[in-house]
Amino acid sequence: MTASAVSLANAQRSLGDPSLRYPLHPPLLRGCPRTATPGLVFPVEVDYAYEDVPADLFTSAPRRGGLDRWAPLLPPLDAPGLGEGGTPLVPIGDGVWIKDESRNPTWSHKDRLNRVAVGAAVHMGAEGIAVASSGNHGASAAAYAARAGLRCVVLASAGAPPAVVSFLRAYGADVVAVPAEARWPLLAMISERLGHHTVSNLTPTHTGHPFGPEGYKTIAYEIHADLGVPAAVFVPTGYGELLFGVWKGFRELRDLGVTDRVPRVFGCEPAAGGPLAAAVRTGAPAAVVDTGATDAYAIDCSVGGNRAVRAVLDSGGDALLVTDEELSRARDELARQGLWAELSAAAGLAGFRQWAAREGDADGPVVCVSTSSGFKDLGVGGDPLEPVEPTWEALARALGR
């Protein structure tokens, strides 16, 4: 690694009180201890020696594969990569662009998070990692653990999509199906008794892994390299780590003088829940809500965190609640453009279509992040094909149907 590729990360900073700084390691997996209350925990974010960022970081020639291109503004990349990042920005007309994160190694945006989170486990000398997930996060964590030679324990639900289970087993993860409400207490036990590094949330309001959103910042860097600063970015939102990462990436570009503004960022949640929308609506730093039925399982969260609230409010964006019907329409629209997305992944486009119908023109290009491949969805597979006779008449009848 060249000198310009060395991480400039130097501390963890509290989002509850920015004057509070902690050493970079160990990662504060339970958020900021000095601002925490029984019902609310503020996350920490990674801070950097910004004055030492190489002058050509955002202007030098073409990105290399993986996140290594942005190493100065990431935590130490102590785990080997899989070529994550560098995903395409696909125009679908009328100034709307899709950032297609399904092109990552395990077909989702989570690869950006797990490259840096598993790197923290390697740095700390952990023998393994532990994750509570029945979807993209578990599949990605298992892949990066395998790549780094670490054990991976995944606490999943019995209803995990078959494609995800196949991913987990292929990577050699130890997969255990447990009731959803038991996953987080058991995760804490695995951490305490086996010494595994956790890459999932452990707190009543979401803090997650402090290094994770740093990987997501690179989405903003790539959008800027391909398009400049869009008017707005619409992001599928569960816990809000992706939303925060995208916003922070643009914030850094502005603060470093590379751009003069940040886009508005919009969190797009299932209407059956929506902790971000609840927090924004009530002025709370984070919220916990009851959830109803939705097929958007990957972003079906009852627990929110302060990261997403901060990103929405500081950028002048909003939290949007989208129905399963709106999600299905957006997924079908993406498919007609040749992009097969998971239902949850279509939330960005669904949110934009809802917002545009109400507000009109966005005053510039808009980027909708599509987070994952349709292969990851519930019920993928459908009915088997019925063979037809190999004649023109039979073929014509089939095409007519």
Protein backbone atom coordinates (compact mmCIF):
# COMPACT_ATOMS: atom_id res chain seq x y z
CA MET A 1 0.00 0.00 0.00
CA THR A 2 1.41 3.41 -0.95
CA ALA A 3 1.82 6.23 1.52
CA SER A 4 -1.18 8.03 0.02
CA ALA A 5 -3.31 4.92 0.64
CA VAL A 6 -2.68 4.76 4.39
CA SER A 7 -5.73 5.36 6.58
CA LEU A 8 -5.96 8.78 8.17
CA ALA A 9 -8.57 7.60 10.70
CA ASN A 10 -7.49 8.73 14.15
CA ALA A 11 -10.46 8.63 16.56
CA GLN A 12 -14.10 7.84 17.22
CA ARG A 13 -16.32 10.88 17.84
CA SER A 14 -19.66 10.87 19.66
CA LEU A 15 -22.73 11.97 17.75
CA GLY A 16 -24.35 12.78 21.09
CA ASP A 17 -21.61 15.25 22.02
CA PRO A 18 -19.08 15.96 19.23
CA SER A 19 -16.56 17.20 21.78
CA LEU A 20 -16.20 13.63 23.07
CA ARG A 21 -13.49 11.67 21.28
CA TYR A 22 -12.29 8.13 21.87
CA PRO A 23 -9.34 6.14 20.49
CA LEU A 24 -9.89 4.53 17.11
CA HIS A 25 -9.66 1.02 18.59
CA PRO A 26 -11.44 -0.84 19.97
CA PRO A 27 -14.58 0.04 17.97
CA LEU A 28 -17.33 1.20 20.35
CA LEU A 29 -19.92 -1.42 19.42
CA ARG A 30 -22.34 -0.08 22.03
CA GLY A 31 -22.09 3.57 21.01
CA CYS A 32 -20.98 6.51 23.09
CA PRO A 33 -20.87 5.42 26.77
CA ARG A 34 -20.81 8.95 28.20
CA THR A 35 -24.02 10.19 26.53
CA ALA A 36 -26.04 6.96 26.74
CA THR A 37 -29.29 6.69 28.70
CA PRO A 38 -31.35 3.54 29.36
CA GLY A 39 -33.55 4.26 26.33
CA LEU A 40 -31.21 6.07 23.95
CA VAL A 41 -27.66 5.42 22.81
CA PHE A 42 -25.86 7.74 20.42
CA PRO A 43 -23.57 6.17 17.82
CA VAL A 44 -20.00 7.24 17.27
CA GLU A 45 -18.46 8.08 13.92
CA VAL A 46 -14.89 7.77 12.73
CA ASP A 47 -12.84 10.96 12.61
CA TYR A 48 -9.81 11.62 10.39
CA ALA A 49 -6.78 13.85 10.01
CA TYR A 50 -8.55 15.71 7.22
CA GLU A 51 -5.70 18.18 6.86
CA ASP A 52 -3.53 15.34 5.57
CA VAL A 53 -5.88 14.06 2.84
CA PRO A 54 -3.88 13.76 -0.41
CA ALA A 55 -4.66 16.66 -2.72
CA ASP A 56 -5.31 14.34 -5.66
CA LEU A 57 -7.51 11.80 -3.85
CA PHE A 58 -10.63 12.82 -5.78
CA THR A 59 -8.95 13.85 -9.03
CA SER A 60 -6.38 11.13 -9.68
CA ALA A 61 -6.93 8.62 -12.42
CA PRO A 62 -9.46 5.86 -12.54
CA ARG A 63 -10.62 4.08 -9.42
CA ARG A 64 -9.03 0.75 -8.64
CA GLY A 65 -11.30 -2.14 -7.77
CA GLY A 66 -12.47 -2.27 -4.20
CA LEU A 67 -12.50 0.35 -1.50
CA ASP A 68 -8.71 0.70 -1.47
CA ARG A 69 -9.03 3.69 -3.81
CA TRP A 70 -10.43 5.68 -0.87
CA ALA A 71 -8.23 4.22 1.89
CA PRO A 72 -7.11 7.58 3.40
CA LEU A 73 -10.72 8.36 4.33
CA LEU A 74 -11.61 4.89 5.59
CA PRO A 75 -10.72 2.97 8.75
CA PRO A 76 -7.71 0.70 8.26
CA LEU A 77 -8.49 -1.90 5.58
CA ASP A 78 -7.00 -4.78 7.54
CA ALA A 79 -9.10 -7.46 5.84
CA PRO A 80 -8.66 -8.44 2.19
CA GLY A 81 -11.31 -7.20 -0.21
CA LEU A 82 -13.42 -8.84 -2.88
CA GLY A 83 -13.53 -6.01 -5.41
CA GLU A 84 -16.46 -4.28 -3.71
CA GLY A 85 -17.50 -0.83 -4.88
CA GLY A 86 -17.24 0.83 -8.25
CA THR A 87 -20.88 0.00 -8.98
CA PRO A 88 -22.56 1.55 -12.04
CA LEU A 89 -24.75 4.63 -12.11
CA VAL A 90 -27.51 3.77 -14.59
CA PRO A 91 -29.74 6.47 -16.15
CA ILE A 92 -33.42 5.57 -16.46
CA GLY A 93 -34.64 8.83 -17.99
CA ASP A 94 -35.81 12.31 -16.94
CA GLY A 95 -32.68 13.01 -14.91
CA VAL A 96 -33.10 9.95 -12.69
CA TRP A 97 -30.11 7.69 -12.05
CA ILE A 98 -29.93 4.33 -10.28
CA LYS A 99 -26.86 3.50 -8.21
CA ASP A 100 -26.98 -0.29 -8.64
CA GLU A 101 -25.43 -1.87 -5.56
CA SER A 102 -26.44 -5.37 -6.66
CA ARG A 103 -23.17 -5.44 -8.65
CA ASN A 104 -21.14 -5.93 -5.46
CA PRO A 105 -19.54 -9.35 -4.77
CA THR A 106 -22.46 -10.73 -2.72
CA TRP A 107 -25.01 -8.71 -4.68
CA SER A 108 -25.69 -5.98 -2.13
CA HIS A 109 -24.46 -2.73 -0.60
CA LYS A 110 -23.55 -4.57 2.61
CA ASP A 111 -20.19 -5.54 1.09
CA ARG A 112 -18.98 -1.98 1.60
CA LEU A 113 -19.85 -2.16 5.31
CA ASN A 114 -18.37 -5.59 5.88
CA ARG A 115 -15.05 -4.80 4.21
CA VAL A 116 -14.33 -2.28 6.97
CA ALA A 117 -16.16 -4.05 9.83
CA VAL A 118 -14.39 -7.37 9.25
CA GLY A 119 -11.17 -5.40 8.97
CA ALA A 120 -11.78 -4.21 12.53
CA ALA A 121 -12.18 -7.83 13.67
CA VAL A 122 -8.85 -8.71 12.05
CA HIS A 123 -7.18 -5.70 13.65
CA MET A 124 -8.49 -6.71 17.08
CA GLY A 125 -7.23 -10.27 16.66
CA ALA A 126 -10.70 -11.83 16.90
CA GLU A 127 -11.07 -15.46 15.86
CA GLY A 128 -14.48 -14.84 14.38
CA ILE A 129 -17.37 -12.49 13.83
CA ALA A 130 -21.03 -12.74 14.82
CA VAL A 131 -24.04 -11.25 13.04
CA ALA A 132 -27.80 -11.26 13.51
CA SER A 133 -29.30 -11.26 10.02
CA SER A 134 -31.60 -13.17 7.73
CA GLY A 135 -30.62 -11.22 4.64
CA ASN A 136 -27.93 -9.26 2.86
CA HIS A 137 -25.88 -8.38 5.93
CA GLY A 138 -25.40 -12.01 6.96
CA ALA A 139 -24.50 -13.16 3.46
CA SER A 140 -21.95 -10.38 3.10
CA ALA A 141 -20.45 -10.84 6.57
CA ALA A 142 -19.99 -14.55 5.88
CA ALA A 143 -18.17 -13.84 2.62
CA TYR A 144 -15.75 -11.33 4.13
CA ALA A 145 -15.12 -13.53 7.15
CA ALA A 146 -14.28 -16.42 4.83
CA ARG A 147 -11.97 -14.17 2.84
CA ALA A 148 -10.18 -13.13 6.04
CA GLY A 149 -9.99 -16.65 7.44
CA LEU A 150 -12.36 -15.96 10.32
CA ARG A 151 -15.22 -18.02 11.69
CA CYS A 152 -18.66 -16.50 11.14
CA VAL A 153 -21.71 -17.19 13.32
CA VAL A 154 -25.02 -16.04 11.84
CA LEU A 155 -28.20 -15.90 13.90
CA ALA A 156 -31.02 -16.01 11.37
CA SER A 157 -34.76 -16.59 11.32
CA ALA A 158 -36.37 -19.80 10.11
CA GLY A 159 -37.97 -17.80 7.28
CA ALA A 160 -34.72 -16.55 5.75
CA PRO A 161 -34.84 -16.48 1.92
CA PRO A 162 -33.38 -19.67 0.40
CA ALA A 163 -30.89 -17.70 -1.69
CA VAL A 164 -29.47 -16.09 1.44
CA VAL A 165 -29.19 -19.42 3.23
CA SER A 166 -27.33 -20.78 0.20
CA PHE A 167 -24.87 -17.90 0.41
CA LEU A 168 -24.26 -18.52 4.10
CA ARG A 169 -23.66 -22.24 3.69
CA ALA A 170 -21.40 -21.77 0.69
CA TYR A 171 -19.11 -19.50 2.71
CA GLY A 172 -18.93 -21.98 5.58
CA ALA A 173 -20.78 -19.88 8.13
CA ASP A 174 -22.33 -21.45 11.23
CA VAL A 175 -26.01 -20.64 10.71
CA VAL A 176 -28.48 -20.99 13.58
CA ALA A 177 -32.20 -20.20 13.25
CA VAL A 178 -33.57 -18.58 16.41
CA PRO A 179 -36.68 -16.49 17.22
CA ALA A 180 -36.23 -12.91 16.08
CA GLU A 181 -36.53 -11.44 19.57
CA ALA A 182 -33.78 -13.77 20.85
CA ARG A 183 -31.17 -12.86 18.26
CA TRP A 184 -29.67 -9.82 19.98
CA PRO A 185 -29.35 -11.26 23.50
CA LEU A 186 -27.75 -14.38 22.00
CA LEU A 187 -25.46 -12.20 19.88
CA ALA A 188 -24.21 -10.50 23.02
CA MET A 189 -23.55 -13.89 24.61
CA ILE A 190 -21.52 -15.01 21.58
CA SER A 191 -19.46 -11.86 21.84
CA GLU A 192 -18.86 -12.20 25.58
CA ARG A 193 -18.28 -15.96 25.76
CA LEU A 194 -16.56 -16.71 22.45
CA GLY A 195 -14.80 -13.40 21.92
CA HIS A 196 -16.28 -12.95 18.46
CA HIS A 197 -16.41 -9.43 17.04
CA THR A 198 -20.03 -8.40 16.45
CA VAL A 199 -21.04 -6.63 13.27
CA SER A 200 -24.70 -6.15 14.28
CA ASN A 201 -26.50 -3.84 16.68
CA LEU A 202 -26.32 -4.41 20.45
CA THR A 203 -28.18 -1.35 21.80
CA PRO A 204 -31.84 -0.27 22.35
CA THR A 205 -31.60 2.42 19.69
CA HIS A 206 -29.38 1.60 16.76
CA THR A 207 -25.64 2.16 16.96
CA GLY A 208 -24.37 -0.83 14.97
CA HIS A 209 -20.71 -1.09 14.05
CA PRO A 210 -19.04 2.34 14.12
CA PHE A 211 -16.85 1.54 11.12
CA GLY A 212 -19.69 0.27 8.92
CA PRO A 213 -21.11 3.56 7.58
CA GLU A 214 -17.59 4.61 6.62
CA GLY A 215 -17.69 1.96 3.90
CA TYR A 216 -20.95 3.44 2.65
CA LYS A 217 -19.34 6.87 2.22
CA THR A 218 -17.68 5.55 -0.92
CA ILE A 219 -21.08 5.52 -2.66
CA ALA A 220 -21.07 9.32 -2.40
CA TYR A 221 -17.50 9.52 -3.69
CA GLU A 222 -18.43 7.39 -6.71
CA ILE A 223 -21.62 9.34 -7.46
CA HIS A 224 -19.61 12.55 -7.38
CA ALA A 225 -16.95 11.11 -9.68
CA ASP A 226 -19.58 10.01 -12.22
CA LEU A 227 -22.19 12.77 -11.97
CA GLY A 228 -21.09 15.56 -9.67
CA VAL A 229 -23.42 16.54 -6.82
CA PRO A 230 -27.02 15.53 -7.54
CA ALA A 231 -29.97 17.54 -6.29
CA ALA A 232 -31.12 14.65 -4.10
CA VAL A 233 -30.37 11.05 -3.17
CA PHE A 234 -33.16 8.64 -2.21
CA VAL A 235 -32.02 5.74 -0.05
CA PRO A 236 -33.76 2.53 1.12
CA THR A 237 -33.64 2.84 4.89
CA GLY A 238 -33.82 0.34 7.74
CA TYR A 239 -31.48 1.27 10.57
CA GLY A 240 -30.11 4.24 8.60
CA GLU A 241 -26.42 3.35 8.34
CA LEU A 242 -26.46 3.58 4.54
CA LEU A 243 -28.30 6.89 4.61
CA PHE A 244 -25.79 8.35 7.06
CA GLY A 245 -22.82 7.03 5.09
CA VAL A 246 -23.99 8.58 1.82
CA TRP A 247 -24.64 11.91 3.53
CA LYS A 248 -21.29 11.86 5.34
CA GLY A 249 -19.43 11.17 2.10
CA PHE A 250 -20.95 14.24 0.46
CA ARG A 251 -20.36 16.26 3.62
CA GLU A 252 -16.67 15.38 3.50
CA LEU A 253 -16.46 16.35 -0.17
CA ARG A 254 -17.90 19.75 0.72
CA ASP A 255 -15.76 20.26 3.81
CA LEU A 256 -12.61 19.34 1.86
CA GLY A 257 -13.47 21.96 -0.77
CA VAL A 258 -14.08 19.42 -3.53
CA THR A 259 -17.71 20.57 -3.84
CA ASP A 260 -19.68 23.53 -2.54
CA ARG A 261 -22.82 21.73 -1.37
CA VAL A 262 -24.40 18.45 -0.37
CA PRO A 263 -27.52 16.91 -1.89
CA ARG A 264 -30.74 16.52 0.03
CA VAL A 265 -30.95 12.95 1.29
CA PHE A 266 -34.23 11.12 1.75
CA GLY A 267 -34.73 8.00 3.84
CA CYS A 268 -37.32 5.66 2.31
CA GLU A 269 -38.90 3.25 4.81
CA PRO A 270 -41.76 0.72 4.73
CA ALA A 271 -45.04 2.37 5.71
CA ALA A 272 -45.66 -0.56 8.04
CA GLY A 273 -43.07 0.82 10.46
CA GLY A 274 -40.81 3.81 9.97
CA PRO A 275 -38.70 4.67 13.03
CA LEU A 276 -36.88 7.40 11.10
CA ALA A 277 -40.11 9.06 10.05
CA ALA A 278 -41.36 8.87 13.64
CA ALA A 279 -38.20 10.53 14.97
CA VAL A 280 -38.24 13.29 12.35
CA ARG A 281 -41.94 13.90 12.94
CA THR A 282 -41.60 14.19 16.72
CA GLY A 283 -38.19 15.86 16.91
CA ALA A 284 -36.67 12.90 18.76
CA PRO A 285 -33.01 11.93 18.25
CA ALA A 286 -34.15 8.34 17.53
CA ALA A 287 -37.33 6.30 17.82
CA VAL A 288 -38.65 2.80 18.36
CA VAL A 289 -41.98 1.90 16.71
CA ASP A 290 -44.32 -1.02 16.26
CA THR A 291 -44.21 -2.63 12.83
CA GLY A 292 -46.93 -4.18 10.71
CA ALA A 293 -46.86 -6.65 7.86
CA THR A 294 -44.63 -5.91 4.87
CA ASP A 295 -42.77 -7.94 2.27
CA ALA A 296 -39.84 -5.51 2.44
CA TYR A 297 -38.14 -7.68 5.04
CA ALA A 298 -34.65 -6.23 4.52
CA ILE A 299 -35.67 -2.76 5.77
CA ASP A 300 -38.49 -3.78 8.12
CA CYS A 301 -37.10 -2.24 11.32
CA SER A 302 -38.77 -1.23 14.54
CA VAL A 303 -35.59 0.41 15.89
CA GLY A 304 -34.01 3.56 14.49
CA GLY A 305 -30.87 5.47 15.30
CA ASN A 306 -29.57 9.01 15.46
CA ARG A 307 -27.38 8.68 12.36
CA ALA A 308 -30.32 8.73 9.94
CA VAL A 309 -32.07 11.58 11.74
CA ARG A 310 -28.92 13.68 11.56
CA ALA A 311 -28.44 12.99 7.84
CA VAL A 312 -32.01 13.91 6.91
CA LEU A 313 -32.21 17.08 8.98
CA ASP A 314 -28.73 18.41 8.17
CA SER A 315 -29.22 17.91 4.43
CA GLY A 316 -32.73 19.36 4.27
CA GLY A 317 -34.17 16.03 3.20
CA ASP A 318 -37.03 14.02 4.65
CA ALA A 319 -38.20 10.59 5.77
CA LEU A 320 -40.68 8.98 3.37
CA LEU A 321 -43.00 6.06 4.08
CA VAL A 322 -43.67 3.81 1.09
CA THR A 323 -46.27 1.08 0.83
CA ASP A 324 -45.69 -2.42 -0.52
CA GLU A 325 -47.77 -1.42 -3.53
CA GLU A 326 -45.45 1.52 -4.24
CA LEU A 327 -42.45 -0.74 -3.74
CA SER A 328 -43.85 -3.28 -6.22
CA ARG A 329 -44.43 -0.60 -8.84
CA ALA A 330 -40.88 0.69 -8.42
CA ARG A 331 -39.44 -2.82 -8.61
CA ASP A 332 -41.38 -3.42 -11.82
CA GLU A 333 -40.13 -0.11 -13.24
CA LEU A 334 -36.55 -1.11 -12.52
CA ALA A 335 -37.13 -4.51 -14.14
CA ARG A 336 -38.40 -2.83 -17.32
CA GLN A 337 -35.05 -1.00 -17.37
CA GLY A 338 -33.16 -4.31 -17.08
CA LEU A 339 -32.47 -4.01 -13.35
CA TRP A 340 -33.83 -6.82 -11.16
CA ALA A 341 -34.00 -5.52 -7.61
CA GLU A 342 -35.12 -6.96 -4.32
CA LEU A 343 -38.39 -5.39 -3.15
CA SER A 344 -36.64 -3.51 -0.33
CA ALA A 345 -33.99 -2.30 -2.77
CA ALA A 346 -36.64 -0.49 -4.81
CA ALA A 347 -37.55 1.76 -1.86
CA GLY A 348 -35.32 4.58 -3.11
CA LEU A 349 -37.12 4.80 -6.45
CA ALA A 350 -40.51 4.30 -4.76
CA GLY A 351 -39.75 7.17 -2.40
CA PHE A 352 -38.66 9.43 -5.23
CA ARG A 353 -41.78 8.71 -7.29
CA GLN A 354 -43.95 9.47 -4.25
CA TRP A 355 -42.05 12.67 -3.49
CA ALA A 356 -42.04 13.85 -7.13
CA ALA A 357 -45.79 13.33 -7.46
CA ARG A 358 -46.24 15.67 -4.51
CA GLU A 359 -43.40 18.18 -4.95
CA GLY A 360 -42.69 18.17 -8.69
CA ASP A 361 -39.26 18.86 -10.22
CA ALA A 362 -36.18 18.14 -8.09
CA ASP A 363 -34.15 20.97 -9.66
CA GLY A 364 -31.37 18.74 -10.91
CA PRO A 365 -30.37 15.11 -11.31
CA VAL A 366 -31.63 12.61 -8.77
CA VAL A 367 -29.94 9.38 -7.66
CA CYS A 368 -31.94 6.47 -6.25
CA VAL A 369 -29.83 3.82 -4.55
CA SER A 370 -30.89 0.24 -5.35
CA THR A 371 -29.35 -1.90 -2.67
CA SER A 372 -29.70 -5.56 -3.63
CA SER A 373 -30.43 -8.16 -6.29
CA GLY A 374 -33.86 -9.66 -6.80
CA PHE A 375 -32.31 -13.09 -6.16
CA LYS A 376 -32.35 -12.21 -2.44
CA ASP A 377 -36.11 -11.71 -2.22
CA LEU A 378 -38.67 -13.83 -0.44
CA GLY A 379 -40.39 -16.40 -2.63
CA VAL A 380 -37.94 -16.18 -5.50
CA GLY A 381 -38.29 -19.04 -7.94
CA GLY A 382 -41.97 -19.09 -8.83
CA ASP A 383 -43.73 -21.89 -10.65
CA PRO A 384 -41.74 -24.30 -12.85
CA LEU A 385 -41.91 -23.85 -16.61
CA GLU A 386 -44.38 -25.98 -18.52
CA PRO A 387 -42.87 -27.47 -21.70
CA VAL A 388 -44.60 -26.89 -25.05
CA GLU A 389 -44.44 -28.92 -28.22
CA PRO A 390 -41.53 -27.83 -30.47
CA THR A 391 -43.83 -26.52 -33.25
CA TRP A 392 -44.62 -23.02 -34.46
CA GLU A 393 -48.30 -23.44 -33.62
CA ALA A 394 -47.56 -24.41 -30.00
CA LEU A 395 -45.01 -21.61 -29.70
CA ALA A 396 -47.50 -19.05 -31.06
CA ARG A 397 -50.12 -20.19 -28.57
CA ALA A 398 -47.61 -19.88 -25.72
CA LEU A 399 -46.57 -16.40 -26.83
CA GLY A 400 -50.23 -15.46 -27.07
CA ARG A 401 -50.72 -16.41 -23.47
